[in-house]
Protein backbone atom coordinates (compact mmCIF):
# COMPACT_ATOMS: atom_id res chain seq x y z
CA UNK A 1 0.00 0.00 0.00
CA UNK A 2 2.87 2.37 0.72
CA UNK A 3 4.34 1.72 -2.71
CA UNK A 4 0.99 2.52 -4.35
CA UNK A 5 0.82 5.88 -2.59
CA UNK A 6 4.44 6.62 -3.42
CA UNK A 7 3.97 5.60 -7.05
CA UNK A 8 0.87 7.77 -7.38
CA UNK A 9 2.64 10.76 -5.80
CA UNK A 10 5.71 10.31 -8.00
CA UNK A 11 3.60 9.90 -11.14
CA UNK A 12 1.75 13.12 -10.31
CA UNK A 13 5.01 14.91 -9.55
CA UNK A 14 6.87 13.78 -12.67
CA UNK A 15 3.88 14.53 -14.89
CA UNK A 16 3.98 18.24 -14.13
CA UNK A 17 5.40 20.82 -16.52
CA UNK A 18 7.94 21.92 -13.91
CA UNK A 19 9.41 18.39 -13.75
CA UNK A 20 9.75 18.40 -17.53
CA UNK A 21 11.45 21.78 -17.37
CA UNK A 22 13.93 20.53 -14.75
CA UNK A 23 14.72 17.46 -16.87
CA UNK A 24 15.19 19.66 -19.93
CA UNK A 25 17.52 21.98 -18.00
CA UNK A 26 19.60 19.00 -16.84
CA UNK A 27 19.93 17.78 -20.43
CA UNK A 28 20.90 21.27 -21.59
CA UNK A 29 23.45 21.58 -18.77
CA UNK A 30 24.92 18.23 -19.77
CA UNK A 31 25.09 19.32 -23.41
CA UNK A 32 26.71 22.65 -22.59
CA UNK A 33 29.28 20.91 -20.37
CA UNK A 34 30.51 18.84 -23.34
CA UNK A 35 33.37 21.14 -24.30
CA UNK A 36 34.45 21.36 -20.66
CA UNK A 37 34.91 17.56 -20.59
CA UNK A 38 36.16 17.44 -24.18
CA UNK A 39 33.18 15.27 -25.16
CA UNK A 40 34.96 12.24 -23.69
CA UNK A 41 33.51 8.78 -23.08
CA UNK A 42 32.79 9.43 -19.40
CA UNK A 43 30.79 12.53 -20.32
CA UNK A 44 28.66 10.44 -22.69
CA UNK A 45 28.40 7.58 -20.19
CA UNK A 46 26.90 9.91 -17.57
CA UNK A 47 23.87 10.80 -19.71
CA UNK A 48 23.46 7.29 -21.12
CA UNK A 49 23.53 5.63 -17.71
CA UNK A 50 21.32 8.27 -16.06
CA UNK A 51 18.62 8.16 -18.71
CA UNK A 52 18.65 4.35 -18.84
CA UNK A 53 18.19 4.02 -15.09
CA UNK A 54 15.46 6.65 -14.99
CA UNK A 55 13.65 5.05 -17.93
CA UNK A 56 13.89 1.59 -16.34
CA UNK A 57 12.38 2.81 -13.08
CA UNK A 58 9.70 4.90 -14.79
CA UNK A 59 8.43 1.82 -16.66
CA UNK A 60 7.48 0.20 -13.35
CA UNK A 61 6.03 3.43 -12.00
CA UNK A 62 3.89 3.98 -15.09
CA UNK A 63 2.74 0.35 -15.11
CA UNK A 64 1.70 0.59 -11.47
CA UNK A 65 -0.31 3.75 -11.99
CA UNK A 66 -1.92 2.39 -15.18
CA UNK A 67 -2.92 -0.82 -13.41
CA UNK A 68 -4.47 1.20 -10.60
CA UNK A 69 -6.30 3.54 -12.99
CA UNK A 70 -7.51 0.57 -15.02
CA UNK A 71 -8.84 -1.19 -11.90
CA UNK A 72 -10.62 1.97 -10.77
CA UNK A 73 -12.18 2.46 -14.19
CA UNK A 74 -13.39 -1.15 -14.31
CA UNK A 75 -15.01 -0.83 -10.90
CA UNK A 76 -16.78 2.38 -11.90
CA UNK A 77 -18.04 0.89 -15.15
CA UNK A 78 -19.14 -2.31 -13.40
CA UNK A 79 -21.12 -0.22 -10.94
CA UNK A 80 -22.78 1.74 -13.75
CA UNK A 81 -23.70 -1.49 -15.51
CA UNK A 82 -24.96 -3.02 -12.28
CA UNK A 83 -27.24 -0.09 -11.50
CA UNK A 84 -28.56 0.45 -15.02
CA UNK A 85 -31.68 -1.62 -15.49
CA UNK A 86 -31.40 -1.88 -19.27
CA UNK A 87 -27.69 -2.75 -19.29
CA UNK A 88 -26.70 -6.22 -20.39
CA UNK A 89 -25.34 -8.04 -17.36
CA UNK A 90 -23.17 -10.24 -19.61
CA UNK A 91 -20.88 -7.24 -19.95
CA UNK A 92 -19.84 -7.45 -16.30
CA UNK A 93 -17.60 -10.45 -17.06
CA UNK A 94 -15.74 -9.19 -20.11
CA UNK A 95 -12.34 -9.79 -18.51
CA UNK A 96 -13.11 -13.52 -18.46
CA UNK A 97 -13.76 -13.68 -22.22
CA UNK A 98 -11.13 -14.79 -24.69
CA UNK A 99 -10.12 -12.54 -27.61
CA UNK A 100 -12.47 -14.27 -30.07
CA UNK A 101 -15.45 -13.70 -27.78
CA UNK A 102 -14.50 -10.06 -27.27
CA UNK A 103 -14.14 -9.58 -31.02
CA UNK A 104 -17.60 -11.09 -31.64
CA UNK A 105 -19.11 -8.82 -28.98
CA UNK A 106 -17.36 -5.78 -30.45
CA UNK A 107 -18.79 -6.64 -33.88
CA UNK A 108 -22.30 -6.84 -32.38
CA UNK A 109 -21.96 -3.37 -30.87
CA UNK A 110 -20.66 -1.97 -34.14
CA UNK A 111 -23.67 -3.43 -35.98
CA UNK A 112 -26.04 -2.08 -33.32
CA UNK A 113 -24.46 1.36 -33.72
CA UNK A 114 -24.74 1.27 -37.49
CA UNK A 115 -28.40 0.22 -37.38
CA UNK A 116 -29.36 2.45 -34.46
CA UNK A 117 -30.46 -0.50 -32.32
CA UNK A 118 -30.29 0.59 -28.68
CA UNK A 119 -30.84 -2.91 -27.25
CA UNK A 120 -29.97 -5.57 -29.78
CA UNK A 121 -29.14 -9.15 -28.86
CA UNK A 122 -26.00 -9.65 -26.82
CA UNK A 123 -23.94 -12.80 -27.04
CA UNK A 124 -22.92 -14.10 -23.64
CA UNK A 125 -19.75 -16.09 -22.96
CA UNK A 126 -21.56 -19.39 -23.56
CA UNK A 127 -23.20 -18.20 -26.79
CA UNK A 128 -19.92 -16.88 -28.24
CA UNK A 129 -18.25 -20.29 -27.89
CA UNK A 130 -20.68 -21.94 -30.32
C-alpha atoms as a PDB file:
ATOM      1  CA  UNK A   1       0.000   0.000   0.000  1.00  0.00           C
ATOM      2  CA  UNK A   2       2.866   2.371   0.721  1.00  0.00           C
ATOM      3  CA  UNK A   3       4.337   1.720  -2.714  1.00  0.00           C
ATOM      4  CA  UNK A   4       0.990   2.524  -4.350  1.00  0.00           C
ATOM      5  CA  UNK A   5       0.817   5.882  -2.595  1.00  0.00           C
ATOM      6  CA  UNK A   6       4.441   6.624  -3.417  1.00  0.00           C
ATOM      7  CA  UNK A   7       3.974   5.603  -7.051  1.00  0.00           C
ATOM      8  CA  UNK A   8       0.875   7.774  -7.375  1.00  0.00           C
ATOM      9  CA  UNK A   9       2.636  10.755  -5.802  1.00  0.00           C
ATOM     10  CA  UNK A  10       5.715  10.307  -7.998  1.00  0.00           C
ATOM     11  CA  UNK A  11       3.602   9.901 -11.139  1.00  0.00           C
ATOM     12  CA  UNK A  12       1.752  13.116 -10.314  1.00  0.00           C
ATOM     13  CA  UNK A  13       5.008  14.911  -9.555  1.00  0.00           C
ATOM     14  CA  UNK A  14       6.866  13.779 -12.674  1.00  0.00           C
ATOM     15  CA  UNK A  15       3.884  14.525 -14.889  1.00  0.00           C
ATOM     16  CA  UNK A  16       3.975  18.240 -14.127  1.00  0.00           C
ATOM     17  CA  UNK A  17       5.398  20.819 -16.518  1.00  0.00           C
ATOM     18  CA  UNK A  18       7.938  21.915 -13.905  1.00  0.00           C
ATOM     19  CA  UNK A  19       9.406  18.392 -13.749  1.00  0.00           C
ATOM     20  CA  UNK A  20       9.753  18.395 -17.527  1.00  0.00           C
ATOM     21  CA  UNK A  21      11.453  21.783 -17.368  1.00  0.00           C
ATOM     22  CA  UNK A  22      13.929  20.530 -14.751  1.00  0.00           C
ATOM     23  CA  UNK A  23      14.722  17.461 -16.872  1.00  0.00           C
ATOM     24  CA  UNK A  24      15.195  19.663 -19.930  1.00  0.00           C
ATOM     25  CA  UNK A  25      17.521  21.975 -18.004  1.00  0.00           C
ATOM     26  CA  UNK A  26      19.598  19.002 -16.842  1.00  0.00           C
ATOM     27  CA  UNK A  27      19.932  17.781 -20.426  1.00  0.00           C
ATOM     28  CA  UNK A  28      20.901  21.274 -21.590  1.00  0.00           C
ATOM     29  CA  UNK A  29      23.453  21.582 -18.772  1.00  0.00           C
ATOM     30  CA  UNK A  30      24.918  18.226 -19.771  1.00  0.00           C
ATOM     31  CA  UNK A  31      25.094  19.318 -23.409  1.00  0.00           C
ATOM     32  CA  UNK A  32      26.711  22.648 -22.595  1.00  0.00           C
ATOM     33  CA  UNK A  33      29.278  20.910 -20.375  1.00  0.00           C
ATOM     34  CA  UNK A  34      30.509  18.840 -23.335  1.00  0.00           C
ATOM     35  CA  UNK A  35      33.373  21.145 -24.300  1.00  0.00           C
ATOM     36  CA  UNK A  36      34.453  21.356 -20.659  1.00  0.00           C
ATOM     37  CA  UNK A  37      34.912  17.555 -20.589  1.00  0.00           C
ATOM     38  CA  UNK A  38      36.161  17.437 -24.179  1.00  0.00           C
ATOM     39  CA  UNK A  39      33.178  15.269 -25.161  1.00  0.00           C
ATOM     40  CA  UNK A  40      34.955  12.242 -23.691  1.00  0.00           C
ATOM     41  CA  UNK A  41      33.506   8.775 -23.078  1.00  0.00           C
ATOM     42  CA  UNK A  42      32.789   9.427 -19.400  1.00  0.00           C
ATOM     43  CA  UNK A  43      30.788  12.533 -20.317  1.00  0.00           C
ATOM     44  CA  UNK A  44      28.657  10.441 -22.690  1.00  0.00           C
ATOM     45  CA  UNK A  45      28.397   7.580 -20.194  1.00  0.00           C
ATOM     46  CA  UNK A  46      26.905   9.913 -17.572  1.00  0.00           C
ATOM     47  CA  UNK A  47      23.869  10.796 -19.709  1.00  0.00           C
ATOM     48  CA  UNK A  48      23.457   7.292 -21.116  1.00  0.00           C
ATOM     49  CA  UNK A  49      23.526   5.633 -17.707  1.00  0.00           C
ATOM     50  CA  UNK A  50      21.323   8.265 -16.064  1.00  0.00           C
ATOM     51  CA  UNK A  51      18.618   8.160 -18.707  1.00  0.00           C
ATOM     52  CA  UNK A  52      18.655   4.354 -18.843  1.00  0.00           C
ATOM     53  CA  UNK A  53      18.194   4.020 -15.089  1.00  0.00           C
ATOM     54  CA  UNK A  54      15.457   6.653 -14.989  1.00  0.00           C
ATOM     55  CA  UNK A  55      13.647   5.051 -17.927  1.00  0.00           C
ATOM     56  CA  UNK A  56      13.888   1.591 -16.345  1.00  0.00           C
ATOM     57  CA  UNK A  57      12.384   2.805 -13.075  1.00  0.00           C
ATOM     58  CA  UNK A  58       9.700   4.898 -14.786  1.00  0.00           C
ATOM     59  CA  UNK A  59       8.430   1.821 -16.665  1.00  0.00           C
ATOM     60  CA  UNK A  60       7.481   0.199 -13.354  1.00  0.00           C
ATOM     61  CA  UNK A  61       6.034   3.426 -12.002  1.00  0.00           C
ATOM     62  CA  UNK A  62       3.887   3.977 -15.091  1.00  0.00           C
ATOM     63  CA  UNK A  63       2.736   0.348 -15.112  1.00  0.00           C
ATOM     64  CA  UNK A  64       1.699   0.590 -11.471  1.00  0.00           C
ATOM     65  CA  UNK A  65      -0.312   3.751 -11.989  1.00  0.00           C
ATOM     66  CA  UNK A  66      -1.919   2.394 -15.181  1.00  0.00           C
ATOM     67  CA  UNK A  67      -2.918  -0.817 -13.411  1.00  0.00           C
ATOM     68  CA  UNK A  68      -4.468   1.203 -10.603  1.00  0.00           C
ATOM     69  CA  UNK A  69      -6.300   3.538 -12.992  1.00  0.00           C
ATOM     70  CA  UNK A  70      -7.507   0.570 -15.020  1.00  0.00           C
ATOM     71  CA  UNK A  71      -8.835  -1.193 -11.905  1.00  0.00           C
ATOM     72  CA  UNK A  72     -10.622   1.965 -10.767  1.00  0.00           C
ATOM     73  CA  UNK A  73     -12.178   2.456 -14.185  1.00  0.00           C
ATOM     74  CA  UNK A  74     -13.392  -1.146 -14.311  1.00  0.00           C
ATOM     75  CA  UNK A  75     -15.010  -0.835 -10.897  1.00  0.00           C
ATOM     76  CA  UNK A  76     -16.782   2.376 -11.898  1.00  0.00           C
ATOM     77  CA  UNK A  77     -18.044   0.889 -15.150  1.00  0.00           C
ATOM     78  CA  UNK A  78     -19.142  -2.307 -13.400  1.00  0.00           C
ATOM     79  CA  UNK A  79     -21.124  -0.222 -10.939  1.00  0.00           C
ATOM     80  CA  UNK A  80     -22.778   1.736 -13.747  1.00  0.00           C
ATOM     81  CA  UNK A  81     -23.704  -1.488 -15.515  1.00  0.00           C
ATOM     82  CA  UNK A  82     -24.965  -3.017 -12.277  1.00  0.00           C
ATOM     83  CA  UNK A  83     -27.242  -0.089 -11.499  1.00  0.00           C
ATOM     84  CA  UNK A  84     -28.557   0.451 -15.021  1.00  0.00           C
ATOM     85  CA  UNK A  85     -31.684  -1.619 -15.487  1.00  0.00           C
ATOM     86  CA  UNK A  86     -31.396  -1.882 -19.271  1.00  0.00           C
ATOM     87  CA  UNK A  87     -27.686  -2.750 -19.286  1.00  0.00           C
ATOM     88  CA  UNK A  88     -26.697  -6.221 -20.390  1.00  0.00           C
ATOM     89  CA  UNK A  89     -25.336  -8.041 -17.359  1.00  0.00           C
ATOM     90  CA  UNK A  90     -23.171 -10.240 -19.613  1.00  0.00           C
ATOM     91  CA  UNK A  91     -20.883  -7.235 -19.949  1.00  0.00           C
ATOM     92  CA  UNK A  92     -19.836  -7.447 -16.300  1.00  0.00           C
ATOM     93  CA  UNK A  93     -17.600 -10.449 -17.063  1.00  0.00           C
ATOM     94  CA  UNK A  94     -15.735  -9.189 -20.109  1.00  0.00           C
ATOM     95  CA  UNK A  95     -12.338  -9.788 -18.515  1.00  0.00           C
ATOM     96  CA  UNK A  96     -13.112 -13.525 -18.464  1.00  0.00           C
ATOM     97  CA  UNK A  97     -13.760 -13.684 -22.219  1.00  0.00           C
ATOM     98  CA  UNK A  98     -11.129 -14.794 -24.687  1.00  0.00           C
ATOM     99  CA  UNK A  99     -10.119 -12.543 -27.606  1.00  0.00           C
ATOM    100  CA  UNK A 100     -12.474 -14.267 -30.071  1.00  0.00           C
ATOM    101  CA  UNK A 101     -15.450 -13.698 -27.780  1.00  0.00           C
ATOM    102  CA  UNK A 102     -14.496 -10.056 -27.271  1.00  0.00           C
ATOM    103  CA  UNK A 103     -14.136  -9.584 -31.019  1.00  0.00           C
ATOM    104  CA  UNK A 104     -17.596 -11.087 -31.637  1.00  0.00           C
ATOM    105  CA  UNK A 105     -19.115  -8.819 -28.984  1.00  0.00           C
ATOM    106  CA  UNK A 106     -17.360  -5.782 -30.453  1.00  0.00           C
ATOM    107  CA  UNK A 107     -18.789  -6.637 -33.883  1.00  0.00           C
ATOM    108  CA  UNK A 108     -22.297  -6.839 -32.379  1.00  0.00           C
ATOM    109  CA  UNK A 109     -21.963  -3.373 -30.872  1.00  0.00           C
ATOM    110  CA  UNK A 110     -20.661  -1.973 -34.144  1.00  0.00           C
ATOM    111  CA  UNK A 111     -23.669  -3.432 -35.976  1.00  0.00           C
ATOM    112  CA  UNK A 112     -26.036  -2.075 -33.321  1.00  0.00           C
ATOM    113  CA  UNK A 113     -24.459   1.357 -33.724  1.00  0.00           C
ATOM    114  CA  UNK A 114     -24.740   1.275 -37.488  1.00  0.00           C
ATOM    115  CA  UNK A 115     -28.399   0.217 -37.383  1.00  0.00           C
ATOM    116  CA  UNK A 116     -29.365   2.447 -34.462  1.00  0.00           C
ATOM    117  CA  UNK A 117     -30.463  -0.498 -32.317  1.00  0.00           C
ATOM    118  CA  UNK A 118     -30.291   0.588 -28.680  1.00  0.00           C
ATOM    119  CA  UNK A 119     -30.844  -2.906 -27.247  1.00  0.00           C
ATOM    120  CA  UNK A 120     -29.965  -5.571 -29.782  1.00  0.00           C
ATOM    121  CA  UNK A 121     -29.141  -9.150 -28.857  1.00  0.00           C
ATOM    122  CA  UNK A 122     -25.998  -9.646 -26.823  1.00  0.00           C
ATOM    123  CA  UNK A 123     -23.938 -12.801 -27.040  1.00  0.00           C
ATOM    124  CA  UNK A 124     -22.921 -14.096 -23.645  1.00  0.00           C
ATOM    125  CA  UNK A 125     -19.754 -16.094 -22.960  1.00  0.00           C
ATOM    126  CA  UNK A 126     -21.560 -19.387 -23.558  1.00  0.00           C
ATOM    127  CA  UNK A 127     -23.198 -18.196 -26.793  1.00  0.00           C
ATOM    128  CA  UNK A 128     -19.922 -16.879 -28.244  1.00  0.00           C
ATOM    129  CA  UNK A 129     -18.246 -20.291 -27.890  1.00  0.00           C
ATOM    130  CA  UNK A 130     -20.684 -21.941 -30.315  1.00  0.00           C
END
